[in-house]
Amino acid sequence: MTILITGASSGIGYDAAQTLARRGHRVYAAARRLERMEPLKADGVIPLQMDVTDHQSMVDGVQAVINVEGRIDILINNAGYGYFGAIEQVTMEEARRQLEVNLFGLAELTRMVLPAMRRQGSGRIINTSSIAGKLVLPFGGWYHVSKYSVEALSDALRMELKPFGIDVVMIEPGGIKTDWGIIAARHLQESSCNTPYEAAAQPVAELMNKAYSGNWLSSPAVVTRAIIRAVERRRPHPRYRIGRFSHIGVFFHAILPDRWYDALMRLLIRFA
């Protein structure tokens, strides 16, 4: 199958692109930093320079795949990042960028590939969401907004595209050991420095650094295995929730009264 995957220069996207190519798929790996995907060529991956906030780069990337392959069977929307900080302290410019990358870029790229998939009479959209679209942690407000939105968008797409033979699947990772958490922690420290939130934000940043630097979390290979199931199964599940703390976190968020959940989050941060 011909696969286009975004956010493939590191972490989950890199691992998934490499593994899918080794399994015999024709993989086009897209990201802003083309040089970081050079090693993937050894596995047959074709790197594409693409910025999901740049309309023309997405048009060019999709057209490049269709010009060579004549089709796109699978789109894996994996590009994304986390900017943590108190709602009051995160600038609206940064909030908009969070949504541009995590939500609007995903939506625009999906819209671009759908005409080709409709002509084929088949296709599959796989969106990397997160349990952050099911629960909320302090200082992650705008990131959670983006992932809750991906959940809603994916649910709507799944219903709208079914008549055309196009599946929509969500991957909902829990704690996955990548640079994502280290970068998000750095953003939190930057956004809270010398603000009224600094004392409360510092323990959260320290917890994130500890978690993403240690052995608490699952490896990206766990997510790759879920992506493989979403790609290769004839009838994939609408959701694959995987990774450390993914099920228990969503469970407690669902069953606990809001004030109890808030108190639990404060306790976890205090004693972690």
C-alpha atoms as a PDB file:
ATOM      1  CA  MET A   1       0.000   0.000   0.000  1.00  0.00           C
ATOM      2  CA  THR A   2       1.045   3.593  -0.595  1.00  0.00           C
ATOM      3  CA  ILE A   3       1.334   5.448   2.713  1.00  0.00           C
ATOM      4  CA  LEU A   4       1.910   9.130   3.476  1.00  0.00           C
ATOM      5  CA  ILE A   5       2.930   9.831   7.081  1.00  0.00           C
ATOM      6  CA  THR A   6       3.630  13.240   8.622  1.00  0.00           C
ATOM      7  CA  GLY A   7       5.848  14.090  11.569  1.00  0.00           C
ATOM      8  CA  ALA A   8       8.317  11.422  10.462  1.00  0.00           C
ATOM      9  CA  SER A   9      11.605  13.097  11.395  1.00  0.00           C
ATOM     10  CA  SER A  10      11.675  11.676  14.930  1.00  0.00           C
ATOM     11  CA  GLY A  11       9.913   9.616  17.582  1.00  0.00           C
ATOM     12  CA  ILE A  12       6.722   7.768  16.700  1.00  0.00           C
ATOM     13  CA  GLY A  13       6.614   8.965  13.090  1.00  0.00           C
ATOM     14  CA  TYR A  14      10.190   7.916  12.334  1.00  0.00           C
ATOM     15  CA  ASP A  15       9.738   4.490  13.919  1.00  0.00           C
ATOM     16  CA  ALA A  16       6.426   3.893  12.144  1.00  0.00           C
ATOM     17  CA  ALA A  17       7.749   4.967   8.724  1.00  0.00           C
ATOM     18  CA  GLN A  18      10.759   2.670   9.041  1.00  0.00           C
ATOM     19  CA  THR A  19       8.742  -0.316  10.249  1.00  0.00           C
ATOM     20  CA  LEU A  20       6.006   0.043   7.634  1.00  0.00           C
ATOM     21  CA  ALA A  21       8.592   0.244   4.844  1.00  0.00           C
ATOM     22  CA  ARG A  22      10.298  -2.880   6.143  1.00  0.00           C
ATOM     23  CA  ARG A  23       6.930  -4.635   5.986  1.00  0.00           C
ATOM     24  CA  GLY A  24       6.750  -3.964   2.270  1.00  0.00           C
ATOM     25  CA  HIS A  25       4.656  -0.812   2.105  1.00  0.00           C
ATOM     26  CA  ARG A  26       5.526   2.136  -0.118  1.00  0.00           C
ATOM     27  CA  VAL A  27       6.106   4.857   2.481  1.00  0.00           C
ATOM     28  CA  TYR A  28       6.404   8.600   1.921  1.00  0.00           C
ATOM     29  CA  ALA A  29       7.699  10.238   5.102  1.00  0.00           C
ATOM     30  CA  ALA A  30       6.943  13.942   5.504  1.00  0.00           C
ATOM     31  CA  ALA A  31       8.429  16.474   7.900  1.00  0.00           C
ATOM     32  CA  ARG A  32       9.962  19.952   7.967  1.00  0.00           C
ATOM     33  CA  ARG A  33      13.517  18.695   8.596  1.00  0.00           C
ATOM     34  CA  LEU A  34      14.349  16.650   5.537  1.00  0.00           C
ATOM     35  CA  GLU A  35      17.914  15.877   6.645  1.00  0.00           C
ATOM     36  CA  ARG A  36      16.704  13.987   9.727  1.00  0.00           C
ATOM     37  CA  MET A  37      14.889  11.484   7.510  1.00  0.00           C
ATOM     38  CA  GLU A  38      17.891  10.686   5.301  1.00  0.00           C
ATOM     39  CA  PRO A  39      18.679   7.413   7.167  1.00  0.00           C
ATOM     40  CA  LEU A  40      15.161   6.151   6.335  1.00  0.00           C
ATOM     41  CA  LYS A  41      16.154   5.897   2.664  1.00  0.00           C
ATOM     42  CA  ALA A  42      18.106   2.747   3.524  1.00  0.00           C
ATOM     43  CA  ASP A  43      14.763   1.054   4.253  1.00  0.00           C
ATOM     44  CA  GLY A  44      13.124   2.316   1.067  1.00  0.00           C
ATOM     45  CA  VAL A  45      11.299   5.258   2.627  1.00  0.00           C
ATOM     46  CA  ILE A  46      10.879   8.328   0.387  1.00  0.00           C
ATOM     47  CA  PRO A  47      11.373  11.553   2.402  1.00  0.00           C
ATOM     48  CA  LEU A  48       9.252  14.613   1.609  1.00  0.00           C
ATOM     49  CA  GLN A  49       9.749  18.113   2.944  1.00  0.00           C
ATOM     50  CA  MET A  50       6.410  19.258   4.315  1.00  0.00           C
ATOM     51  CA  ASP A  51       5.231  21.772   6.888  1.00  0.00           C
ATOM     52  CA  VAL A  52       1.640  21.194   7.974  1.00  0.00           C
ATOM     53  CA  THR A  53       1.248  24.941   8.565  1.00  0.00           C
ATOM     54  CA  ASP A  54       2.319  25.699   4.971  1.00  0.00           C
ATOM     55  CA  HIS A  55      -0.489  25.160   2.463  1.00  0.00           C
ATOM     56  CA  GLN A  56       1.732  25.006  -0.609  1.00  0.00           C
ATOM     57  CA  SER A  57       4.154  22.493   0.888  1.00  0.00           C
ATOM     58  CA  MET A  58       1.208  20.169   1.586  1.00  0.00           C
ATOM     59  CA  VAL A  59      -0.177  20.618  -1.949  1.00  0.00           C
ATOM     60  CA  ASP A  60       3.257  19.854  -3.401  1.00  0.00           C
ATOM     61  CA  GLY A  61       3.754  16.815  -1.164  1.00  0.00           C
ATOM     62  CA  VAL A  62       0.391  15.217  -1.946  1.00  0.00           C
ATOM     63  CA  GLN A  63       0.829  15.872  -5.664  1.00  0.00           C
ATOM     64  CA  ALA A  64       4.329  14.372  -5.622  1.00  0.00           C
ATOM     65  CA  VAL A  65       2.968  11.106  -4.213  1.00  0.00           C
ATOM     66  CA  ILE A  66       0.045  10.961  -6.651  1.00  0.00           C
ATOM     67  CA  ASN A  67       2.295  11.795  -9.628  1.00  0.00           C
ATOM     68  CA  VAL A  68       4.487   8.779  -8.889  1.00  0.00           C
ATOM     69  CA  GLU A  69       2.044   6.286  -7.379  1.00  0.00           C
ATOM     70  CA  GLY A  70      -1.281   7.367  -8.848  1.00  0.00           C
ATOM     71  CA  ARG A  71      -2.948   6.895  -5.464  1.00  0.00           C
ATOM     72  CA  ILE A  72      -2.682   7.319  -1.682  1.00  0.00           C
ATOM     73  CA  ASP A  73      -4.043   4.357   0.245  1.00  0.00           C
ATOM     74  CA  ILE A  74      -3.220   5.498   3.775  1.00  0.00           C
ATOM     75  CA  LEU A  75      -2.715   8.943   5.299  1.00  0.00           C
ATOM     76  CA  ILE A  76      -1.194   8.900   8.788  1.00  0.00           C
ATOM     77  CA  ASN A  77      -1.562  12.337  10.396  1.00  0.00           C
ATOM     78  CA  ASN A  78       1.171  12.149  13.009  1.00  0.00           C
ATOM     79  CA  ALA A  79       2.697  15.659  13.080  1.00  0.00           C
ATOM     80  CA  GLY A  80       2.188  17.491  16.354  1.00  0.00           C
ATOM     81  CA  TYR A  81       3.805  19.031  19.405  1.00  0.00           C
ATOM     82  CA  GLY A  82       2.897  20.175  22.909  1.00  0.00           C
ATOM     83  CA  TYR A  83       3.215  23.690  24.271  1.00  0.00           C
ATOM     84  CA  PHE A  84       2.494  23.637  28.006  1.00  0.00           C
ATOM     85  CA  GLY A  85       1.770  26.662  30.147  1.00  0.00           C
ATOM     86  CA  ALA A  86      -0.994  28.344  32.117  1.00  0.00           C
ATOM     87  CA  ILE A  87      -3.847  29.555  29.908  1.00  0.00           C
ATOM     88  CA  GLU A  88      -3.195  33.109  31.101  1.00  0.00           C
ATOM     89  CA  GLN A  89       0.500  32.964  30.259  1.00  0.00           C
ATOM     90  CA  VAL A  90       0.517  31.224  26.881  1.00  0.00           C
ATOM     91  CA  THR A  91       0.322  33.889  24.183  1.00  0.00           C
ATOM     92  CA  MET A  92      -2.557  33.713  21.741  1.00  0.00           C
ATOM     93  CA  GLU A  93       0.002  33.491  18.953  1.00  0.00           C
ATOM     94  CA  GLU A  94       1.411  30.300  20.485  1.00  0.00           C
ATOM     95  CA  ALA A  95      -2.089  28.962  21.196  1.00  0.00           C
ATOM     96  CA  ARG A  96      -3.040  29.460  17.548  1.00  0.00           C
ATOM     97  CA  ARG A  97       0.161  27.761  16.405  1.00  0.00           C
ATOM     98  CA  GLN A  98      -0.664  24.760  18.618  1.00  0.00           C
ATOM     99  CA  LEU A  99      -4.016  24.444  16.866  1.00  0.00           C
ATOM    100  CA  GLU A 100      -2.529  25.107  13.417  1.00  0.00           C
ATOM    101  CA  VAL A 101      -0.089  22.209  13.764  1.00  0.00           C
ATOM    102  CA  ASN A 102      -2.140  19.702  15.756  1.00  0.00           C
ATOM    103  CA  LEU A 103      -5.594  20.326  14.299  1.00  0.00           C
ATOM    104  CA  PHE A 104      -5.901  22.567  11.243  1.00  0.00           C
ATOM    105  CA  GLY A 105      -2.867  21.134   9.460  1.00  0.00           C
ATOM    106  CA  LEU A 106      -4.260  17.649  10.018  1.00  0.00           C
ATOM    107  CA  ALA A 107      -7.662  18.712   8.693  1.00  0.00           C
ATOM    108  CA  GLU A 108      -6.254  20.474   5.637  1.00  0.00           C
ATOM    109  CA  LEU A 109      -4.004  17.573   4.628  1.00  0.00           C
ATOM    110  CA  THR A 110      -6.914  15.178   5.062  1.00  0.00           C
ATOM    111  CA  ARG A 111      -9.069  17.333   2.772  1.00  0.00           C
ATOM    112  CA  MET A 112      -6.309  17.254   0.148  1.00  0.00           C
ATOM    113  CA  VAL A 113      -6.083  13.452  -0.045  1.00  0.00           C
ATOM    114  CA  LEU A 114      -9.823  12.720   0.076  1.00  0.00           C
ATOM    115  CA  PRO A 115     -10.586  13.385  -3.624  1.00  0.00           C
ATOM    116  CA  ALA A 116      -7.995  10.753  -4.620  1.00  0.00           C
ATOM    117  CA  MET A 117      -9.362   8.273  -2.091  1.00  0.00           C
ATOM    118  CA  ARG A 118     -12.924   8.796  -3.319  1.00  0.00           C
ATOM    119  CA  ARG A 119     -11.805   8.138  -6.907  1.00  0.00           C
ATOM    120  CA  GLN A 120     -10.166   4.912  -5.712  1.00  0.00           C
ATOM    121  CA  GLY A 121     -13.261   3.923  -3.779  1.00  0.00           C
ATOM    122  CA  SER A 122     -11.081   3.157  -0.765  1.00  0.00           C
ATOM    123  CA  GLY A 123      -8.652   4.688   1.676  1.00  0.00           C
ATOM    124  CA  ARG A 124      -7.802   5.066   5.318  1.00  0.00           C
ATOM    125  CA  ILE A 125      -7.115   8.124   7.475  1.00  0.00           C
ATOM    126  CA  ILE A 126      -5.170   7.365  10.665  1.00  0.00           C
ATOM    127  CA  ASN A 127      -4.964  10.252  13.121  1.00  0.00           C
ATOM    128  CA  THR A 128      -2.487  10.229  15.966  1.00  0.00           C
ATOM    129  CA  SER A 129      -4.569  11.618  18.793  1.00  0.00           C
ATOM    130  CA  SER A 130      -3.730  11.067  22.480  1.00  0.00           C
ATOM    131  CA  ILE A 131      -5.305  10.288  25.804  1.00  0.00           C
ATOM    132  CA  ALA A 132      -4.821  14.056  26.135  1.00  0.00           C
ATOM    133  CA  GLY A 133      -8.020  14.166  24.084  1.00  0.00           C
ATOM    134  CA  LYS A 134      -9.802  12.252  26.857  1.00  0.00           C
ATOM    135  CA  LEU A 135      -8.480  13.851  30.049  1.00  0.00           C
ATOM    136  CA  VAL A 136      -6.772  17.047  31.179  1.00  0.00           C
ATOM    137  CA  LEU A 137      -3.571  17.740  33.085  1.00  0.00           C
ATOM    138  CA  PRO A 138      -2.754  21.115  34.657  1.00  0.00           C
ATOM    139  CA  PHE A 139      -0.859  23.530  32.391  1.00  0.00           C
ATOM    140  CA  GLY A 140      -1.645  21.472  29.288  1.00  0.00           C
ATOM    141  CA  GLY A 141      -4.768  23.433  28.363  1.00  0.00           C
ATOM    142  CA  TRP A 142      -4.060  24.371  24.752  1.00  0.00           C
ATOM    143  CA  TYR A 143      -2.520  20.989  23.950  1.00  0.00           C
ATOM    144  CA  HIS A 144      -5.617  19.277  25.353  1.00  0.00           C
ATOM    145  CA  VAL A 145      -7.858  21.608  23.341  1.00  0.00           C
ATOM    146  CA  SER A 146      -6.053  20.496  20.187  1.00  0.00           C
ATOM    147  CA  LYS A 147      -6.348  16.778  20.980  1.00  0.00           C
ATOM    148  CA  TYR A 148      -9.991  16.933  22.118  1.00  0.00           C
ATOM    149  CA  SER A 149     -10.628  18.619  18.776  1.00  0.00           C
ATOM    150  CA  VAL A 150      -8.821  15.859  16.867  1.00  0.00           C
ATOM    151  CA  GLU A 151     -11.095  13.344  18.591  1.00  0.00           C
ATOM    152  CA  ALA A 152     -14.240  15.229  17.531  1.00  0.00           C
ATOM    153  CA  LEU A 153     -12.976  15.822  13.999  1.00  0.00           C
ATOM    154  CA  SER A 154     -12.077  12.143  13.593  1.00  0.00           C
ATOM    155  CA  ASP A 155     -15.469  10.971  14.840  1.00  0.00           C
ATOM    156  CA  ALA A 156     -17.218  13.243  12.344  1.00  0.00           C
ATOM    157  CA  LEU A 157     -14.945  12.142   9.488  1.00  0.00           C
ATOM    158  CA  ARG A 158     -15.523   8.471  10.280  1.00  0.00           C
ATOM    159  CA  MET A 159     -19.271   8.873   9.829  1.00  0.00           C
ATOM    160  CA  GLU A 160     -19.033  11.137   6.772  1.00  0.00           C
ATOM    161  CA  LEU A 161     -16.505   9.026   4.856  1.00  0.00           C
ATOM    162  CA  LYS A 162     -17.908   5.552   5.473  1.00  0.00           C
ATOM    163  CA  PRO A 163     -20.180   5.676   2.360  1.00  0.00           C
ATOM    164  CA  PHE A 164     -17.070   6.232   0.206  1.00  0.00           C
ATOM    165  CA  GLY A 165     -15.228   3.177   1.545  1.00  0.00           C
ATOM    166  CA  ILE A 166     -12.810   5.326   3.561  1.00  0.00           C
ATOM    167  CA  ASP A 167     -11.998   4.319   7.143  1.00  0.00           C
ATOM    168  CA  VAL A 168     -10.964   6.731   9.897  1.00  0.00           C
ATOM    169  CA  VAL A 169      -8.913   5.416  12.806  1.00  0.00           C
ATOM    170  CA  MET A 170      -7.568   7.134  15.909  1.00  0.00           C
ATOM    171  CA  ILE A 171      -4.386   6.160  17.715  1.00  0.00           C
ATOM    172  CA  GLU A 172      -4.595   7.277  21.362  1.00  0.00           C
ATOM    173  CA  PRO A 173      -1.182   6.874  23.030  1.00  0.00           C
ATOM    174  CA  GLY A 174      -0.644   7.274  26.727  1.00  0.00           C
ATOM    175  CA  GLY A 175       2.854   7.896  28.069  1.00  0.00           C
ATOM    176  CA  ILE A 176       5.361   7.282  25.256  1.00  0.00           C
ATOM    177  CA  LYS A 177       9.072   7.908  25.760  1.00  0.00           C
ATOM    178  CA  THR A 178       9.993  10.467  23.097  1.00  0.00           C
ATOM    179  CA  ASP A 179      11.453  13.981  23.122  1.00  0.00           C
ATOM    180  CA  TRP A 180       7.881  15.329  23.122  1.00  0.00           C
ATOM    181  CA  GLY A 181       7.695  15.465  26.925  1.00  0.00           C
ATOM    182  CA  ILE A 182      11.109  17.072  27.363  1.00  0.00           C
ATOM    183  CA  ILE A 183      10.201  19.798  24.872  1.00  0.00           C
ATOM    184  CA  ALA A 184       6.774  20.341  26.484  1.00  0.00           C
ATOM    185  CA  ALA A 185       8.431  20.615  29.927  1.00  0.00           C
ATOM    186  CA  ARG A 186      10.864  23.211  28.596  1.00  0.00           C
ATOM    187  CA  HIS A 187       7.976  25.205  27.155  1.00  0.00           C
ATOM    188  CA  LEU A 188       6.235  25.058  30.542  1.00  0.00           C
ATOM    189  CA  GLN A 189       9.295  26.358  32.350  1.00  0.00           C
ATOM    190  CA  GLU A 190       9.697  29.160  29.808  1.00  0.00           C
ATOM    191  CA  SER A 191       6.057  30.226  29.884  1.00  0.00           C
ATOM    192  CA  SER A 192       5.794  30.193  33.691  1.00  0.00           C
ATOM    193  CA  CYS A 193       9.142  31.780  34.589  1.00  0.00           C
ATOM    194  CA  ASN A 194       8.692  34.890  36.788  1.00  0.00           C
ATOM    195  CA  THR A 195       4.903  34.587  36.711  1.00  0.00           C
ATOM    196  CA  PRO A 196       2.344  33.904  39.478  1.00  0.00           C
ATOM    197  CA  TYR A 197       2.211  30.293  38.196  1.00  0.00           C
ATOM    198  CA  GLU A 198       5.919  29.498  38.527  1.00  0.00           C
ATOM    199  CA  ALA A 199       5.695  27.762  41.919  1.00  0.00           C
ATOM    200  CA  ALA A 200       2.885  25.477  40.766  1.00  0.00           C
ATOM    201  CA  ALA A 201       4.295  24.841  37.281  1.00  0.00           C
ATOM    202  CA  GLN A 202       7.815  23.907  38.341  1.00  0.00           C
ATOM    203  CA  PRO A 203       6.848  20.542  39.939  1.00  0.00           C
ATOM    204  CA  VAL A 204       4.846  19.652  36.819  1.00  0.00           C
ATOM    205  CA  ALA A 205       7.845  20.393  34.587  1.00  0.00           C
ATOM    206  CA  GLU A 206      10.104  18.355  36.880  1.00  0.00           C
ATOM    207  CA  LEU A 207       7.669  15.433  36.807  1.00  0.00           C
ATOM    208  CA  MET A 208       7.532  15.550  32.994  1.00  0.00           C
ATOM    209  CA  ASN A 209      11.325  15.628  32.732  1.00  0.00           C
ATOM    210  CA  LYS A 210      11.618  12.720  35.152  1.00  0.00           C
ATOM    211  CA  ALA A 211       9.003  10.649  33.344  1.00  0.00           C
ATOM    212  CA  TYR A 212      10.323  11.239  29.825  1.00  0.00           C
ATOM    213  CA  SER A 213      13.968  10.759  30.848  1.00  0.00           C
ATOM    214  CA  GLY A 214      13.444   7.571  32.852  1.00  0.00           C
ATOM    215  CA  ASN A 215      11.938   4.155  32.253  1.00  0.00           C
ATOM    216  CA  TRP A 216       8.345   4.867  33.307  1.00  0.00           C
ATOM    217  CA  LEU A 217       6.916   5.155  29.829  1.00  0.00           C
ATOM    218  CA  SER A 218       6.311   2.894  26.838  1.00  0.00           C
ATOM    219  CA  SER A 219       8.569   2.907  23.781  1.00  0.00           C
ATOM    220  CA  PRO A 220       7.456   4.337  20.410  1.00  0.00           C
ATOM    221  CA  ALA A 221       7.374   0.734  19.121  1.00  0.00           C
ATOM    222  CA  VAL A 222       4.149   0.237  21.107  1.00  0.00           C
ATOM    223  CA  VAL A 223       2.476   2.939  19.032  1.00  0.00           C
ATOM    224  CA  THR A 224       3.999   1.580  15.825  1.00  0.00           C
ATOM    225  CA  ARG A 225       2.420  -1.816  16.499  1.00  0.00           C
ATOM    226  CA  ALA A 226      -0.978  -0.141  16.847  1.00  0.00           C
ATOM    227  CA  ILE A 227      -0.408   1.791  13.620  1.00  0.00           C
ATOM    228  CA  ILE A 228       0.459  -1.466  11.839  1.00  0.00           C
ATOM    229  CA  ARG A 229      -2.824  -2.988  13.002  1.00  0.00           C
ATOM    230  CA  ALA A 230      -4.682   0.128  11.834  1.00  0.00           C
ATOM    231  CA  VAL A 231      -2.956  -0.061   8.432  1.00  0.00           C
ATOM    232  CA  GLU A 232      -3.084  -3.783   7.732  1.00  0.00           C
ATOM    233  CA  ARG A 233      -6.320  -5.075   9.238  1.00  0.00           C
ATOM    234  CA  ARG A 234      -9.212  -5.377   6.834  1.00  0.00           C
ATOM    235  CA  ARG A 235     -11.568  -3.890   9.412  1.00  0.00           C
ATOM    236  CA  PRO A 236      -9.555  -1.822  11.900  1.00  0.00           C
ATOM    237  CA  HIS A 237     -10.966  -0.631  15.206  1.00  0.00           C
ATOM    238  CA  PRO A 238     -12.041   3.028  15.279  1.00  0.00           C
ATOM    239  CA  ARG A 239      -9.638   3.571  18.215  1.00  0.00           C
ATOM    240  CA  TYR A 240      -6.423   2.025  19.476  1.00  0.00           C
ATOM    241  CA  ARG A 241      -5.642   3.183  23.011  1.00  0.00           C
ATOM    242  CA  ILE A 242      -2.155   2.072  23.946  1.00  0.00           C
ATOM    243  CA  GLY A 243       0.854   2.928  26.109  1.00  0.00           C
ATOM    244  CA  ARG A 244       1.577   3.404  29.791  1.00  0.00           C
ATOM    245  CA  PHE A 245      -1.220   4.944  31.893  1.00  0.00           C
ATOM    246  CA  SER A 246      -3.560   5.231  28.885  1.00  0.00           C
ATOM    247  CA  HIS A 247      -6.432   3.124  30.186  1.00  0.00           C
ATOM    248  CA  ILE A 248      -6.214   3.921  33.895  1.00  0.00           C
ATOM    249  CA  GLY A 249      -5.962   7.676  33.288  1.00  0.00           C
ATOM    250  CA  VAL A 250      -9.056   7.759  31.100  1.00  0.00           C
ATOM    251  CA  PHE A 251     -10.884   5.460  33.544  1.00  0.00           C
ATOM    252  CA  PHE A 252     -10.324   7.751  36.535  1.00  0.00           C
ATOM    253  CA  HIS A 253     -11.219  10.841  34.521  1.00  0.00           C
ATOM    254  CA  ALA A 254     -14.483   9.187  33.495  1.00  0.00           C
ATOM    255  CA  ILE A 255     -15.631   7.894  36.894  1.00  0.00           C
ATOM    256  CA  LEU A 256     -14.420  10.496  39.367  1.00  0.00           C
ATOM    257  CA  PRO A 257     -16.356  13.673  40.155  1.00  0.00           C
ATOM    258  CA  ASP A 258     -14.525  16.694  38.782  1.00  0.00           C
ATOM    259  CA  ARG A 259     -13.317  17.956  42.164  1.00  0.00           C
ATOM    260  CA  TRP A 260     -11.991  14.498  43.062  1.00  0.00           C
ATOM    261  CA  TYR A 261     -10.138  14.248  39.768  1.00  0.00           C
ATOM    262  CA  ASP A 262      -8.626  17.718  40.288  1.00  0.00           C
ATOM    263  CA  ALA A 263      -7.464  16.699  43.780  1.00  0.00           C
ATOM    264  CA  LEU A 264      -5.962  13.468  42.428  1.00  0.00           C
ATOM    265  CA  MET A 265      -3.925  15.412  39.867  1.00  0.00           C
ATOM    266  CA  ARG A 266      -2.594  17.719  42.590  1.00  0.00           C
ATOM    267  CA  LEU A 267      -1.593  14.712  44.708  1.00  0.00           C
ATOM    268  CA  LEU A 268       0.192  13.005  41.832  1.00  0.00           C
ATOM    269  CA  ILE A 269       2.221  16.112  41.094  1.00  0.00           C
ATOM    270  CA  ARG A 270       3.039  16.658  44.754  1.00  0.00           C
ATOM    271  CA  PHE A 271       4.251  13.136  45.521  1.00  0.00           C
ATOM    272  CA  ALA A 272       5.665  11.976  42.148  1.00  0.00           C
END
